[in-house]
N, C-alpha and C. Protein backbone atom coordinates (compact mmCIF):
# COMPACT_ATOMS: atom_id res chain seq x y z
N MET A 1 -5.98 4.37 -20.10
CA MET A 1 -4.58 4.22 -19.76
C MET A 1 -3.90 3.12 -20.58
N ASP A 2 -4.67 2.06 -20.93
CA ASP A 2 -4.10 0.94 -21.66
C ASP A 2 -3.47 1.37 -22.97
N GLU A 3 -4.06 2.40 -23.61
CA GLU A 3 -3.51 2.83 -24.90
C GLU A 3 -2.18 3.55 -24.74
N LEU A 4 -1.83 3.96 -23.53
CA LEU A 4 -0.57 4.65 -23.29
C LEU A 4 0.57 3.68 -22.99
N VAL A 5 0.25 2.43 -22.69
CA VAL A 5 1.26 1.42 -22.39
C VAL A 5 1.06 0.25 -23.34
N LYS A 6 2.10 -0.07 -24.09
CA LYS A 6 2.03 -1.17 -25.05
C LYS A 6 2.81 -2.35 -24.48
N LYS A 7 2.12 -3.40 -24.12
CA LYS A 7 2.76 -4.54 -23.48
C LYS A 7 3.65 -5.29 -24.49
N PRO A 8 4.79 -5.79 -24.05
CA PRO A 8 5.69 -6.53 -24.94
C PRO A 8 5.09 -7.87 -25.36
N LYS A 9 5.46 -8.32 -26.54
CA LYS A 9 4.88 -9.55 -27.07
C LYS A 9 5.90 -10.67 -27.23
N SER A 10 7.15 -10.42 -26.91
CA SER A 10 8.17 -11.47 -27.02
C SER A 10 9.04 -11.45 -25.77
N ARG A 11 9.82 -12.50 -25.57
CA ARG A 11 10.68 -12.60 -24.39
C ARG A 11 11.74 -11.49 -24.40
N THR A 12 12.28 -11.22 -25.57
CA THR A 12 13.29 -10.16 -25.67
C THR A 12 12.69 -8.80 -25.36
N ALA A 13 11.49 -8.56 -25.88
CA ALA A 13 10.82 -7.29 -25.62
C ALA A 13 10.46 -7.16 -24.14
N LEU A 14 10.05 -8.27 -23.53
CA LEU A 14 9.70 -8.25 -22.11
C LEU A 14 10.92 -7.89 -21.25
N LYS A 15 12.08 -8.38 -21.66
CA LYS A 15 13.30 -8.07 -20.92
C LYS A 15 13.58 -6.56 -20.96
N SER A 16 13.45 -5.95 -22.14
CA SER A 16 13.66 -4.51 -22.27
C SER A 16 12.60 -3.73 -21.49
N PHE A 17 11.38 -4.19 -21.58
CA PHE A 17 10.28 -3.56 -20.86
C PHE A 17 10.55 -3.55 -19.35
N ASN A 18 10.93 -4.69 -18.82
CA ASN A 18 11.19 -4.80 -17.38
C ASN A 18 12.40 -3.97 -16.95
N LYS A 19 13.39 -3.87 -17.82
CA LYS A 19 14.56 -3.02 -17.51
C LYS A 19 14.13 -1.56 -17.41
N LEU A 20 13.26 -1.14 -18.29
CA LEU A 20 12.76 0.24 -18.25
C LEU A 20 11.95 0.50 -16.98
N VAL A 21 11.11 -0.45 -16.61
CA VAL A 21 10.28 -0.30 -15.41
C VAL A 21 11.16 -0.21 -14.16
N SER A 22 12.15 -1.09 -14.06
CA SER A 22 13.06 -1.07 -12.92
C SER A 22 13.86 0.22 -12.86
N ALA A 23 14.30 0.68 -14.03
CA ALA A 23 15.07 1.92 -14.10
C ALA A 23 14.21 3.11 -13.69
N ALA A 24 12.97 3.14 -14.17
CA ALA A 24 12.08 4.24 -13.83
C ALA A 24 11.81 4.28 -12.33
N GLU A 25 11.61 3.13 -11.74
CA GLU A 25 11.38 3.06 -10.29
C GLU A 25 12.56 3.64 -9.53
N LYS A 26 13.77 3.27 -9.93
CA LYS A 26 14.98 3.74 -9.26
C LYS A 26 15.18 5.25 -9.47
N VAL A 27 15.04 5.69 -10.69
CA VAL A 27 15.29 7.10 -11.03
C VAL A 27 14.27 8.01 -10.35
N ILE A 28 13.00 7.65 -10.45
CA ILE A 28 11.95 8.50 -9.85
C ILE A 28 12.05 8.51 -8.34
N TYR A 29 12.42 7.37 -7.77
CA TYR A 29 12.62 7.31 -6.32
C TYR A 29 13.76 8.24 -5.89
N GLU A 30 14.85 8.22 -6.63
CA GLU A 30 16.04 8.99 -6.23
C GLU A 30 15.91 10.48 -6.57
N LYS A 31 15.29 10.79 -7.70
CA LYS A 31 15.24 12.19 -8.15
C LYS A 31 13.89 12.85 -7.94
N GLY A 32 12.86 12.04 -7.75
CA GLY A 32 11.51 12.58 -7.72
C GLY A 32 10.94 12.64 -9.13
N TYR A 33 9.63 12.61 -9.24
CA TYR A 33 8.98 12.58 -10.55
C TYR A 33 9.35 13.80 -11.39
N PHE A 34 9.26 14.99 -10.81
CA PHE A 34 9.42 16.21 -11.58
C PHE A 34 10.86 16.46 -12.01
N ASN A 35 11.80 15.89 -11.29
CA ASN A 35 13.21 16.08 -11.64
C ASN A 35 13.76 14.95 -12.50
N SER A 36 12.93 13.99 -12.83
CA SER A 36 13.35 12.86 -13.66
C SER A 36 12.91 13.07 -15.11
N THR A 37 13.69 12.55 -16.03
CA THR A 37 13.34 12.65 -17.45
C THR A 37 13.37 11.27 -18.09
N VAL A 38 12.79 11.19 -19.25
CA VAL A 38 12.85 9.93 -20.02
C VAL A 38 14.31 9.58 -20.31
N ASN A 39 15.12 10.58 -20.59
CA ASN A 39 16.54 10.33 -20.85
C ASN A 39 17.24 9.73 -19.64
N ASP A 40 16.86 10.18 -18.44
CA ASP A 40 17.42 9.60 -17.21
C ASP A 40 17.06 8.12 -17.11
N ILE A 41 15.83 7.83 -17.44
CA ILE A 41 15.34 6.45 -17.32
C ILE A 41 16.04 5.52 -18.31
N VAL A 42 16.14 5.95 -19.57
CA VAL A 42 16.77 5.07 -20.57
C VAL A 42 18.27 4.94 -20.31
N ALA A 43 18.88 5.99 -19.76
CA ALA A 43 20.31 5.90 -19.42
C ALA A 43 20.52 4.87 -18.32
N GLU A 44 19.65 4.89 -17.32
CA GLU A 44 19.74 3.92 -16.22
C GLU A 44 19.50 2.51 -16.75
N ALA A 45 18.58 2.37 -17.69
CA ALA A 45 18.25 1.05 -18.25
C ALA A 45 19.25 0.60 -19.31
N GLU A 46 20.11 1.54 -19.75
CA GLU A 46 21.07 1.28 -20.82
C GLU A 46 20.36 0.85 -22.10
N LEU A 47 19.31 1.61 -22.42
CA LEU A 47 18.54 1.39 -23.64
C LEU A 47 18.36 2.72 -24.36
N GLY A 48 17.93 2.67 -25.60
CA GLY A 48 17.73 3.89 -26.37
C GLY A 48 16.39 4.54 -26.06
N THR A 49 16.31 5.83 -26.33
CA THR A 49 15.06 6.57 -26.10
C THR A 49 13.92 5.99 -26.93
N GLY A 50 14.26 5.57 -28.15
CA GLY A 50 13.23 4.98 -29.01
C GLY A 50 12.60 3.74 -28.39
N THR A 51 13.39 2.97 -27.65
CA THR A 51 12.86 1.76 -27.00
C THR A 51 11.81 2.13 -25.97
N PHE A 52 12.06 3.23 -25.25
CA PHE A 52 11.08 3.68 -24.24
C PHE A 52 9.73 3.92 -24.89
N TYR A 53 9.75 4.64 -26.01
CA TYR A 53 8.49 5.03 -26.64
C TYR A 53 7.80 3.90 -27.41
N ILE A 54 8.49 2.77 -27.54
CA ILE A 54 7.81 1.58 -28.08
C ILE A 54 6.73 1.13 -27.10
N TYR A 55 7.04 1.26 -25.81
CA TYR A 55 6.16 0.72 -24.77
C TYR A 55 5.35 1.78 -24.01
N PHE A 56 5.89 2.97 -23.89
CA PHE A 56 5.23 4.00 -23.07
C PHE A 56 5.03 5.28 -23.86
N ASP A 57 3.87 5.85 -23.72
CA ASP A 57 3.54 7.09 -24.43
C ASP A 57 4.29 8.28 -23.84
N SER A 58 4.60 8.22 -22.53
CA SER A 58 5.23 9.35 -21.85
C SER A 58 5.76 8.92 -20.49
N LYS A 59 6.47 9.81 -19.83
CA LYS A 59 6.92 9.55 -18.45
C LYS A 59 5.72 9.36 -17.53
N TYR A 60 4.68 10.15 -17.77
CA TYR A 60 3.46 10.03 -16.96
C TYR A 60 2.85 8.63 -17.10
N ALA A 61 2.82 8.12 -18.33
CA ALA A 61 2.28 6.77 -18.56
C ALA A 61 3.10 5.73 -17.79
N MET A 62 4.40 5.90 -17.79
CA MET A 62 5.27 5.00 -17.04
C MET A 62 4.95 5.08 -15.55
N TYR A 63 4.77 6.29 -15.05
CA TYR A 63 4.50 6.49 -13.64
C TYR A 63 3.18 5.84 -13.22
N VAL A 64 2.16 6.02 -14.03
CA VAL A 64 0.86 5.41 -13.74
C VAL A 64 1.00 3.89 -13.77
N TYR A 65 1.78 3.38 -14.71
CA TYR A 65 2.00 1.94 -14.78
C TYR A 65 2.64 1.44 -13.48
N LEU A 66 3.63 2.18 -12.96
CA LEU A 66 4.27 1.80 -11.70
C LEU A 66 3.27 1.74 -10.56
N LEU A 67 2.42 2.74 -10.45
CA LEU A 67 1.42 2.77 -9.38
C LEU A 67 0.48 1.58 -9.48
N ARG A 68 0.03 1.29 -10.68
CA ARG A 68 -0.89 0.17 -10.86
C ARG A 68 -0.19 -1.17 -10.62
N LYS A 69 1.08 -1.22 -10.97
CA LYS A 69 1.86 -2.42 -10.72
C LYS A 69 1.99 -2.66 -9.22
N TYR A 70 2.29 -1.62 -8.46
CA TYR A 70 2.41 -1.76 -7.01
C TYR A 70 1.08 -2.24 -6.40
N ALA A 71 -0.01 -1.61 -6.83
CA ALA A 71 -1.32 -1.97 -6.29
C ALA A 71 -1.66 -3.43 -6.60
N SER A 72 -1.41 -3.83 -7.83
CA SER A 72 -1.72 -5.20 -8.24
C SER A 72 -0.89 -6.22 -7.47
N GLU A 73 0.40 -5.95 -7.32
CA GLU A 73 1.28 -6.88 -6.61
C GLU A 73 0.90 -6.99 -5.15
N LEU A 74 0.58 -5.85 -4.53
CA LEU A 74 0.21 -5.87 -3.12
C LEU A 74 -1.10 -6.62 -2.90
N LYS A 75 -2.09 -6.35 -3.75
CA LYS A 75 -3.38 -7.03 -3.62
C LYS A 75 -3.22 -8.53 -3.79
N MET A 76 -2.39 -8.95 -4.74
CA MET A 76 -2.17 -10.37 -4.97
C MET A 76 -1.48 -11.02 -3.77
N THR A 77 -0.48 -10.32 -3.24
CA THR A 77 0.25 -10.84 -2.08
C THR A 77 -0.67 -10.98 -0.88
N LEU A 78 -1.51 -9.98 -0.64
CA LEU A 78 -2.45 -10.03 0.48
C LEU A 78 -3.45 -11.16 0.28
N THR A 79 -3.99 -11.28 -0.92
CA THR A 79 -4.98 -12.33 -1.20
C THR A 79 -4.41 -13.71 -0.95
N LEU A 80 -3.19 -13.95 -1.39
CA LEU A 80 -2.57 -15.26 -1.21
C LEU A 80 -2.32 -15.57 0.25
N ASN A 81 -1.96 -14.56 1.03
CA ASN A 81 -1.61 -14.78 2.43
C ASN A 81 -2.82 -14.94 3.34
N ILE A 82 -3.95 -14.35 2.99
CA ILE A 82 -5.11 -14.44 3.88
C ILE A 82 -6.14 -15.48 3.43
N LYS A 83 -5.87 -16.18 2.33
CA LYS A 83 -6.89 -17.04 1.74
C LYS A 83 -7.35 -18.18 2.65
N ASP A 84 -6.49 -18.62 3.58
CA ASP A 84 -6.87 -19.74 4.45
C ASP A 84 -7.36 -19.28 5.83
N CYS A 85 -7.47 -17.99 6.04
CA CYS A 85 -7.92 -17.47 7.33
C CYS A 85 -9.42 -17.74 7.52
N LYS A 86 -9.80 -18.09 8.73
CA LYS A 86 -11.19 -18.44 9.01
C LYS A 86 -12.03 -17.26 9.48
N THR A 87 -11.42 -16.28 10.14
CA THR A 87 -12.18 -15.14 10.65
C THR A 87 -11.64 -13.84 10.06
N ARG A 88 -12.46 -12.80 10.14
CA ARG A 88 -12.02 -11.50 9.63
C ARG A 88 -10.87 -10.95 10.47
N LEU A 89 -10.90 -11.19 11.79
CA LEU A 89 -9.82 -10.73 12.65
C LEU A 89 -8.50 -11.40 12.25
N ASP A 90 -8.55 -12.68 11.92
CA ASP A 90 -7.34 -13.38 11.46
C ASP A 90 -6.87 -12.78 10.14
N LYS A 91 -7.80 -12.47 9.26
CA LYS A 91 -7.42 -11.87 7.98
C LYS A 91 -6.74 -10.52 8.19
N GLU A 92 -7.27 -9.73 9.11
CA GLU A 92 -6.65 -8.43 9.39
C GLU A 92 -5.26 -8.60 9.98
N THR A 93 -5.11 -9.57 10.88
CA THR A 93 -3.82 -9.81 11.52
C THR A 93 -2.77 -10.24 10.50
N ILE A 94 -3.13 -11.24 9.69
CA ILE A 94 -2.20 -11.73 8.67
C ILE A 94 -1.96 -10.64 7.61
N GLY A 95 -3.02 -9.90 7.28
CA GLY A 95 -2.89 -8.84 6.30
C GLY A 95 -1.94 -7.74 6.77
N ILE A 96 -2.03 -7.36 8.04
CA ILE A 96 -1.12 -6.35 8.59
C ILE A 96 0.32 -6.85 8.54
N ARG A 97 0.52 -8.09 8.95
CA ARG A 97 1.87 -8.66 8.92
C ARG A 97 2.41 -8.68 7.48
N THR A 98 1.57 -9.09 6.55
CA THR A 98 1.96 -9.14 5.14
C THR A 98 2.32 -7.76 4.63
N PHE A 99 1.52 -6.76 4.99
CA PHE A 99 1.80 -5.40 4.52
C PHE A 99 3.11 -4.88 5.09
N ILE A 100 3.35 -5.13 6.36
CA ILE A 100 4.61 -4.66 6.97
C ILE A 100 5.80 -5.29 6.25
N ARG A 101 5.72 -6.59 6.00
CA ARG A 101 6.80 -7.27 5.29
C ARG A 101 6.97 -6.69 3.89
N HIS A 102 5.85 -6.43 3.24
CA HIS A 102 5.89 -5.87 1.89
C HIS A 102 6.55 -4.50 1.91
N ALA A 103 6.22 -3.69 2.92
CA ALA A 103 6.80 -2.35 3.04
C ALA A 103 8.31 -2.44 3.26
N ILE A 104 8.73 -3.37 4.10
CA ILE A 104 10.16 -3.54 4.38
C ILE A 104 10.90 -3.96 3.11
N ASP A 105 10.27 -4.83 2.32
CA ASP A 105 10.90 -5.32 1.09
C ASP A 105 10.83 -4.30 -0.05
N ASN A 106 9.87 -3.37 0.04
CA ASN A 106 9.67 -2.40 -1.05
C ASN A 106 9.57 -0.97 -0.51
N PRO A 107 10.60 -0.48 0.16
CA PRO A 107 10.52 0.85 0.80
C PRO A 107 10.35 1.99 -0.20
N ARG A 108 10.71 1.77 -1.47
CA ARG A 108 10.55 2.84 -2.47
C ARG A 108 9.08 3.17 -2.72
N CYS A 109 8.22 2.23 -2.43
CA CYS A 109 6.80 2.42 -2.75
C CYS A 109 6.23 3.67 -2.09
N TYR A 110 6.64 3.94 -0.86
CA TYR A 110 6.09 5.10 -0.16
C TYR A 110 6.37 6.39 -0.93
N ASN A 111 7.61 6.59 -1.32
CA ASN A 111 7.96 7.81 -2.06
C ASN A 111 7.17 7.91 -3.35
N LEU A 112 7.15 6.82 -4.09
CA LEU A 112 6.55 6.84 -5.42
C LEU A 112 5.04 7.00 -5.37
N ILE A 113 4.39 6.33 -4.41
CA ILE A 113 2.93 6.41 -4.31
C ILE A 113 2.50 7.76 -3.76
N TRP A 114 3.13 8.22 -2.70
CA TRP A 114 2.68 9.46 -2.07
C TRP A 114 3.03 10.69 -2.91
N GLU A 115 4.04 10.58 -3.76
CA GLU A 115 4.34 11.70 -4.64
C GLU A 115 3.21 11.93 -5.64
N SER A 116 2.41 10.90 -5.88
CA SER A 116 1.30 11.04 -6.83
C SER A 116 0.31 12.11 -6.40
N LEU A 117 0.29 12.45 -5.12
CA LEU A 117 -0.59 13.52 -4.64
C LEU A 117 -0.24 14.84 -5.31
N TYR A 118 1.01 14.99 -5.69
CA TYR A 118 1.47 16.23 -6.33
C TYR A 118 1.56 16.09 -7.85
N VAL A 119 1.76 14.86 -8.33
CA VAL A 119 1.81 14.64 -9.77
C VAL A 119 0.40 14.78 -10.36
N ASP A 120 -0.54 14.09 -9.75
CA ASP A 120 -1.94 14.12 -10.18
C ASP A 120 -2.76 13.58 -9.01
N ARG A 121 -3.39 14.47 -8.27
CA ARG A 121 -4.04 14.04 -7.03
C ARG A 121 -5.09 12.96 -7.25
N ASN A 122 -5.66 12.90 -8.47
CA ASN A 122 -6.62 11.84 -8.74
C ASN A 122 -5.97 10.46 -8.72
N LEU A 123 -4.70 10.40 -9.12
CA LEU A 123 -3.97 9.14 -9.03
C LEU A 123 -3.87 8.68 -7.58
N PHE A 124 -3.55 9.63 -6.71
CA PHE A 124 -3.42 9.34 -5.28
C PHE A 124 -4.75 8.87 -4.70
N PHE A 125 -5.82 9.62 -4.99
CA PHE A 125 -7.13 9.25 -4.46
C PHE A 125 -7.59 7.91 -5.02
N ASP A 126 -7.39 7.70 -6.32
CA ASP A 126 -7.83 6.45 -6.94
C ASP A 126 -7.07 5.25 -6.40
N TYR A 127 -5.77 5.45 -6.11
CA TYR A 127 -4.96 4.36 -5.58
C TYR A 127 -5.57 3.83 -4.28
N TYR A 128 -5.86 4.74 -3.36
CA TYR A 128 -6.39 4.30 -2.06
C TYR A 128 -7.87 3.96 -2.14
N ARG A 129 -8.61 4.62 -3.03
CA ARG A 129 -10.02 4.29 -3.18
C ARG A 129 -10.19 2.86 -3.68
N SER A 130 -9.31 2.42 -4.57
CA SER A 130 -9.42 1.05 -5.09
C SER A 130 -9.21 0.03 -3.98
N PHE A 131 -8.29 0.33 -3.05
CA PHE A 131 -8.11 -0.56 -1.91
C PHE A 131 -9.33 -0.51 -0.99
N ALA A 132 -9.84 0.69 -0.74
CA ALA A 132 -10.98 0.84 0.15
C ALA A 132 -12.21 0.12 -0.39
N ASP A 133 -12.45 0.22 -1.69
CA ASP A 133 -13.61 -0.44 -2.28
C ASP A 133 -13.55 -1.95 -2.08
N GLY A 134 -12.36 -2.51 -2.31
CA GLY A 134 -12.20 -3.95 -2.10
C GLY A 134 -12.33 -4.32 -0.63
N TYR A 135 -11.82 -3.47 0.21
CA TYR A 135 -11.88 -3.68 1.66
C TYR A 135 -13.34 -3.72 2.13
N VAL A 136 -14.13 -2.77 1.66
CA VAL A 136 -15.54 -2.71 2.06
C VAL A 136 -16.26 -3.99 1.67
N ARG A 137 -15.98 -4.50 0.48
CA ARG A 137 -16.62 -5.74 0.04
C ARG A 137 -16.24 -6.90 0.96
N GLY A 138 -14.96 -6.94 1.35
CA GLY A 138 -14.52 -8.00 2.26
C GLY A 138 -15.16 -7.88 3.63
N LEU A 139 -15.24 -6.66 4.14
CA LEU A 139 -15.87 -6.43 5.45
C LEU A 139 -17.35 -6.78 5.42
N ALA A 140 -18.01 -6.48 4.30
CA ALA A 140 -19.44 -6.78 4.17
C ALA A 140 -19.69 -8.29 4.23
N ARG A 141 -18.74 -9.06 3.70
CA ARG A 141 -18.90 -10.52 3.74
C ARG A 141 -18.71 -11.06 5.16
N ALA A 142 -18.11 -10.24 6.04
CA ALA A 142 -17.90 -10.66 7.43
C ALA A 142 -18.75 -9.81 8.37
N GLN A 143 -19.90 -9.38 7.89
CA GLN A 143 -20.74 -8.44 8.65
C GLN A 143 -21.13 -9.00 10.02
N ASP A 144 -21.27 -10.33 10.12
CA ASP A 144 -21.66 -10.93 11.40
C ASP A 144 -20.56 -10.85 12.45
N GLU A 145 -19.33 -10.50 12.04
CA GLU A 145 -18.22 -10.38 12.98
C GLU A 145 -17.94 -8.93 13.37
N ILE A 146 -18.67 -8.01 12.79
CA ILE A 146 -18.38 -6.59 12.95
C ILE A 146 -19.57 -5.88 13.59
N ASP A 147 -19.28 -4.93 14.45
CA ASP A 147 -20.32 -4.14 15.10
C ASP A 147 -21.21 -3.50 14.02
N PRO A 148 -22.50 -3.80 14.02
CA PRO A 148 -23.40 -3.29 12.97
C PRO A 148 -23.55 -1.77 12.97
N ALA A 149 -23.15 -1.12 14.07
CA ALA A 149 -23.26 0.34 14.14
C ALA A 149 -22.17 1.04 13.35
N LEU A 150 -21.14 0.29 12.94
CA LEU A 150 -19.99 0.90 12.28
C LEU A 150 -20.21 1.09 10.78
N ASP A 151 -19.71 2.18 10.27
CA ASP A 151 -19.74 2.44 8.82
C ASP A 151 -18.55 1.73 8.18
N LEU A 152 -18.83 0.81 7.28
CA LEU A 152 -17.78 -0.06 6.74
C LEU A 152 -16.74 0.70 5.92
N GLU A 153 -17.16 1.74 5.22
CA GLU A 153 -16.19 2.51 4.45
C GLU A 153 -15.20 3.22 5.38
N THR A 154 -15.70 3.77 6.47
CA THR A 154 -14.82 4.41 7.45
C THR A 154 -13.89 3.40 8.08
N VAL A 155 -14.42 2.23 8.40
CA VAL A 155 -13.58 1.16 8.96
C VAL A 155 -12.47 0.80 7.97
N ALA A 156 -12.83 0.70 6.69
CA ALA A 156 -11.85 0.34 5.66
C ALA A 156 -10.72 1.36 5.61
N TYR A 157 -11.06 2.64 5.59
CA TYR A 157 -10.01 3.67 5.53
C TYR A 157 -9.18 3.68 6.81
N CYS A 158 -9.80 3.42 7.95
CA CYS A 158 -9.04 3.35 9.21
C CYS A 158 -8.02 2.21 9.16
N LEU A 159 -8.44 1.06 8.67
CA LEU A 159 -7.54 -0.09 8.60
C LEU A 159 -6.43 0.13 7.58
N ILE A 160 -6.76 0.77 6.47
CA ILE A 160 -5.73 1.12 5.49
C ILE A 160 -4.73 2.08 6.12
N GLY A 161 -5.23 3.04 6.88
CA GLY A 161 -4.35 4.00 7.56
C GLY A 161 -3.42 3.32 8.54
N ILE A 162 -3.95 2.38 9.30
CA ILE A 162 -3.11 1.63 10.25
C ILE A 162 -1.99 0.92 9.50
N SER A 163 -2.34 0.21 8.44
CA SER A 163 -1.33 -0.52 7.66
C SER A 163 -0.26 0.43 7.13
N ASN A 164 -0.69 1.53 6.55
CA ASN A 164 0.26 2.46 5.94
C ASN A 164 1.25 3.02 6.96
N PHE A 165 0.75 3.44 8.09
CA PHE A 165 1.63 4.13 9.02
C PHE A 165 2.43 3.17 9.89
N VAL A 166 1.92 1.97 10.12
CA VAL A 166 2.75 0.98 10.79
C VAL A 166 3.83 0.47 9.83
N GLY A 167 3.50 0.38 8.55
CA GLY A 167 4.52 0.06 7.55
C GLY A 167 5.60 1.13 7.54
N LEU A 168 5.19 2.39 7.65
CA LEU A 168 6.14 3.49 7.70
C LEU A 168 7.01 3.40 8.96
N GLN A 169 6.38 3.03 10.07
CA GLN A 169 7.13 2.80 11.31
C GLN A 169 8.22 1.76 11.09
N ALA A 170 7.87 0.70 10.38
CA ALA A 170 8.81 -0.41 10.15
C ALA A 170 10.00 0.02 9.31
N ILE A 171 9.74 0.73 8.22
CA ILE A 171 10.84 1.05 7.30
C ILE A 171 11.72 2.20 7.82
N THR A 172 11.22 2.94 8.81
CA THR A 172 12.03 4.03 9.37
C THR A 172 12.69 3.63 10.70
N SER A 173 12.46 2.40 11.14
CA SER A 173 13.10 1.92 12.37
C SER A 173 14.54 1.53 12.06
N GLU A 174 15.44 1.81 12.99
CA GLU A 174 16.84 1.48 12.78
C GLU A 174 17.06 -0.03 12.73
N ASN A 175 16.41 -0.75 13.62
CA ASN A 175 16.54 -2.20 13.65
C ASN A 175 15.15 -2.81 13.70
N ILE A 176 14.75 -3.45 12.62
CA ILE A 176 13.41 -4.04 12.57
C ILE A 176 13.55 -5.55 12.48
N SER A 177 13.46 -6.21 13.61
CA SER A 177 13.62 -7.66 13.68
C SER A 177 12.28 -8.35 13.50
N ASN A 178 12.32 -9.68 13.32
CA ASN A 178 11.09 -10.46 13.23
C ASN A 178 10.27 -10.33 14.51
N ASP A 179 10.95 -10.33 15.65
CA ASP A 179 10.24 -10.19 16.93
C ASP A 179 9.54 -8.85 17.03
N ARG A 180 10.21 -7.81 16.54
CA ARG A 180 9.61 -6.47 16.59
C ARG A 180 8.38 -6.40 15.70
N VAL A 181 8.45 -7.01 14.53
CA VAL A 181 7.29 -7.04 13.63
C VAL A 181 6.13 -7.74 14.32
N GLU A 182 6.41 -8.87 14.96
CA GLU A 182 5.35 -9.62 15.63
C GLU A 182 4.74 -8.81 16.77
N GLN A 183 5.57 -8.04 17.47
CA GLN A 183 5.07 -7.19 18.55
C GLN A 183 4.11 -6.13 17.98
N MET A 184 4.48 -5.55 16.85
CA MET A 184 3.64 -4.56 16.19
C MET A 184 2.31 -5.18 15.76
N VAL A 185 2.38 -6.37 15.19
CA VAL A 185 1.18 -7.05 14.71
C VAL A 185 0.25 -7.39 15.86
N GLU A 186 0.82 -7.91 16.95
CA GLU A 186 0.00 -8.28 18.10
C GLU A 186 -0.64 -7.07 18.76
N THR A 187 0.07 -5.95 18.75
CA THR A 187 -0.50 -4.71 19.29
C THR A 187 -1.74 -4.31 18.50
N ILE A 188 -1.63 -4.38 17.18
CA ILE A 188 -2.77 -4.00 16.33
C ILE A 188 -3.91 -4.98 16.50
N ARG A 189 -3.60 -6.27 16.60
CA ARG A 189 -4.66 -7.27 16.80
C ARG A 189 -5.41 -6.99 18.10
N CYS A 190 -4.66 -6.68 19.14
CA CYS A 190 -5.28 -6.37 20.44
C CYS A 190 -6.18 -5.14 20.33
N MET A 191 -5.71 -4.12 19.61
CA MET A 191 -6.51 -2.91 19.41
C MET A 191 -7.80 -3.23 18.69
N LEU A 192 -7.72 -4.05 17.66
CA LEU A 192 -8.91 -4.37 16.87
C LEU A 192 -9.88 -5.23 17.66
N GLN A 193 -9.34 -6.11 18.46
CA GLN A 193 -10.18 -7.06 19.18
C GLN A 193 -10.81 -6.44 20.43
N ASN A 194 -10.05 -5.59 21.13
CA ASN A 194 -10.50 -5.11 22.43
C ASN A 194 -10.70 -3.60 22.51
N GLY A 195 -10.19 -2.87 21.54
CA GLY A 195 -10.24 -1.42 21.62
C GLY A 195 -9.05 -0.87 22.38
N VAL A 196 -8.80 0.42 22.24
CA VAL A 196 -7.64 1.04 22.88
C VAL A 196 -7.97 1.52 24.29
N PHE A 197 -9.17 2.04 24.46
CA PHE A 197 -9.51 2.68 25.72
C PHE A 197 -10.25 1.74 26.65
N LYS A 198 -9.89 1.77 27.89
CA LYS A 198 -10.55 0.95 28.90
C LYS A 198 -11.96 1.44 29.13
N LYS A 199 -12.87 0.50 29.35
CA LYS A 199 -14.24 0.87 29.66
C LYS A 199 -14.31 1.23 31.14
N LEU A 200 -14.83 2.41 31.43
CA LEU A 200 -14.92 2.88 32.81
C LEU A 200 -16.30 2.60 33.37
N ASP A 201 -16.34 2.11 34.61
CA ASP A 201 -17.65 1.91 35.23
C ASP A 201 -18.21 3.27 35.66
N SER A 202 -19.47 3.31 36.01
CA SER A 202 -20.14 4.58 36.31
C SER A 202 -19.52 5.29 37.50
N GLN A 203 -19.03 4.53 38.51
CA GLN A 203 -18.43 5.16 39.69
C GLN A 203 -17.12 5.85 39.33
N THR A 204 -16.33 5.21 38.47
CA THR A 204 -15.06 5.80 38.05
C THR A 204 -15.31 7.07 37.26
N GLU A 205 -16.30 7.02 36.37
CA GLU A 205 -16.61 8.20 35.57
C GLU A 205 -17.09 9.34 36.45
N THR A 206 -17.90 9.02 37.47
CA THR A 206 -18.39 10.06 38.38
C THR A 206 -17.24 10.70 39.14
N ALA A 207 -16.31 9.86 39.61
CA ALA A 207 -15.15 10.36 40.35
C ALA A 207 -14.28 11.25 39.48
N LYS A 208 -14.10 10.87 38.22
CA LYS A 208 -13.28 11.66 37.32
C LYS A 208 -13.95 13.00 37.04
N ASP A 209 -15.27 12.99 36.86
CA ASP A 209 -16.00 14.23 36.62
C ASP A 209 -15.88 15.17 37.81
N ALA A 210 -15.95 14.60 39.02
CA ALA A 210 -15.87 15.41 40.23
C ALA A 210 -14.48 16.04 40.36
N ALA A 211 -13.47 15.26 39.98
CA ALA A 211 -12.09 15.74 40.08
C ALA A 211 -11.82 16.90 39.12
N GLN A 212 -12.56 16.90 38.01
CA GLN A 212 -12.37 17.98 37.03
C GLN A 212 -13.11 19.24 37.46
């Protein structure tokens, strides 16, 4: 992929490069990948078509760059926010809060990332697999805090799923206040710490079986 994207080497070139990236994000978000063209992107950026091809081999190369940029920025943001956490549960709590905030600040990411399932499904799978692989390594380092019967890869995908869909909940809510975000975070923390379902004693289970 590196050969398809030529990084700028001067401040002026970096400015043009960043204008193209911002324009591509806006255009693809509004029109969708398949309905967007390089001409649309350069028109939005107010640059020439030749400038686009100085840095990007194709629209596809630009799109892949956007996906990798999102992944890199999110991973860096999460790493910085959880670095002082003492327990894995604290890391998950702060990580969920960080992801929700990131989703609220970057709502275009959902459209652009999930559309990759139709652009090139390997991009979609690789995007989430890269997060899962890192997640598993982090969970393995906290193995003493986690039920040894659990499969860490499955746990990783479950936690990624929680983050994604609670982030979706946040960006589709009409009014998402700080208090509401905290309520969402505390709900997830409680779920992770205690589980969702109440443990039934043997008498209760027997009574329920009889009632059925």
